[in-house]
Amino acid sequence: MRKIILAAAVAGAALSVAACSQKTEDATSEAADSAAADAAANADAAATAVTDATTDAASATSEAADTATTTTETTTATTAQ
């Protein structure tokens, strides 16, 4: 009788551990999927920020070049007179 009760208890414990393992595996899988989605979203945001910064830098460089050209032309015209 004791052996039957002990075997039933061991079987019940084994099933409980298996169920917990499945829940843990599912939760871990969901967390990994969520982390991957977050990483992808962050990578997209970073790419957008880099593109915007590059565009802003190109505009600023073009503006500076135009200003330098205008200043040089003004200086040259003033000196020539």
Protein backbone atom coordinates (compact mmCIF):
# COMPACT_ATOMS: atom_id res chain seq x y z
CA MET A 1 0.00 0.00 0.00
CA ARG A 2 2.81 2.42 0.86
CA LYS A 3 4.51 1.75 -2.44
CA ILE A 4 1.35 2.58 -4.39
CA ILE A 5 0.89 5.84 -2.50
CA LEU A 6 4.57 6.73 -2.95
CA ALA A 7 4.40 5.93 -6.67
CA ALA A 8 1.27 8.07 -7.05
CA ALA A 9 2.94 10.93 -5.19
CA VAL A 10 6.06 10.69 -7.37
CA ALA A 11 3.94 10.59 -10.53
CA GLY A 12 1.95 13.62 -9.37
CA ALA A 13 5.15 15.52 -8.61
CA ALA A 14 6.59 14.62 -12.00
CA LEU A 15 3.47 15.90 -13.76
CA SER A 16 3.56 19.12 -11.74
CA VAL A 17 7.20 19.74 -12.65
CA ALA A 18 6.46 19.01 -16.30
CA ALA A 19 3.56 21.46 -16.29
CA CYS A 20 5.70 24.14 -14.65
CA SER A 21 8.47 23.53 -17.15
CA GLN A 22 6.06 24.02 -20.04
CA LYS A 23 4.75 27.27 -18.55
CA THR A 24 8.29 28.49 -17.99
CA GLU A 25 9.27 27.53 -21.54
CA ASP A 26 6.25 29.37 -22.94
CA ALA A 27 6.97 32.45 -20.86
CA THR A 28 10.62 32.41 -21.89
CA SER A 29 9.66 32.08 -25.54
CA GLU A 30 7.24 34.99 -25.28
CA ALA A 31 9.87 37.13 -23.54
CA ALA A 32 12.42 36.32 -26.25
CA ASP A 33 9.93 37.18 -28.99
CA SER A 34 9.09 40.45 -27.27
CA ALA A 35 12.77 41.32 -26.85
CA ALA A 36 13.40 40.62 -30.53
CA ALA A 37 10.48 42.85 -31.53
CA ASP A 38 11.77 45.63 -29.26
CA ALA A 39 15.27 45.30 -30.70
CA ALA A 40 13.90 45.54 -34.24
CA ALA A 41 11.85 48.62 -33.36
CA ASN A 42 14.88 50.25 -31.72
CA ALA A 43 17.04 49.48 -34.76
CA ASP A 44 14.44 51.09 -37.03
CA ALA A 45 14.28 54.16 -34.80
CA ALA A 46 18.06 54.42 -34.75
CA ALA A 47 18.23 54.14 -38.54
CA THR A 48 15.66 56.91 -38.88
CA ALA A 49 17.58 59.12 -36.45
CA VAL A 50 20.83 58.56 -38.36
CA THR A 51 19.14 59.36 -41.66
CA ASP A 52 17.63 62.54 -40.23
CA ALA A 53 20.96 63.61 -38.73
CA THR A 54 22.72 62.98 -42.03
CA THR A 55 20.15 65.06 -43.89
CA ASP A 56 20.49 67.89 -41.34
CA ALA A 57 24.30 67.77 -41.57
CA ALA A 58 24.17 67.89 -45.38
CA SER A 59 21.83 70.89 -45.26
CA ALA A 60 24.05 72.70 -42.76
CA THR A 61 27.14 72.00 -44.86
CA SER A 62 25.44 73.29 -47.99
CA GLU A 63 24.31 76.42 -46.16
CA ALA A 64 27.82 77.01 -44.83
CA ALA A 65 29.28 76.60 -48.31
CA ASP A 66 26.78 79.08 -49.74
CA THR A 67 27.57 81.58 -46.98
CA ALA A 68 31.31 81.15 -47.55
CA THR A 69 30.87 81.69 -51.29
CA THR A 70 28.80 84.82 -50.72
CA THR A 71 31.32 86.18 -48.22
CA THR A 72 34.21 85.48 -50.56
CA GLU A 73 32.43 87.18 -53.47
CA THR A 74 31.61 90.22 -51.32
CA THR A 75 35.18 90.46 -50.04
CA THR A 76 36.60 90.10 -53.55
CA ALA A 77 34.25 92.77 -54.95
CA THR A 78 35.07 95.19 -52.13
CA THR A 79 38.82 94.67 -52.49
CA ALA A 80 38.69 95.13 -56.26
CA GLN A 81 37.10 98.58 -55.99
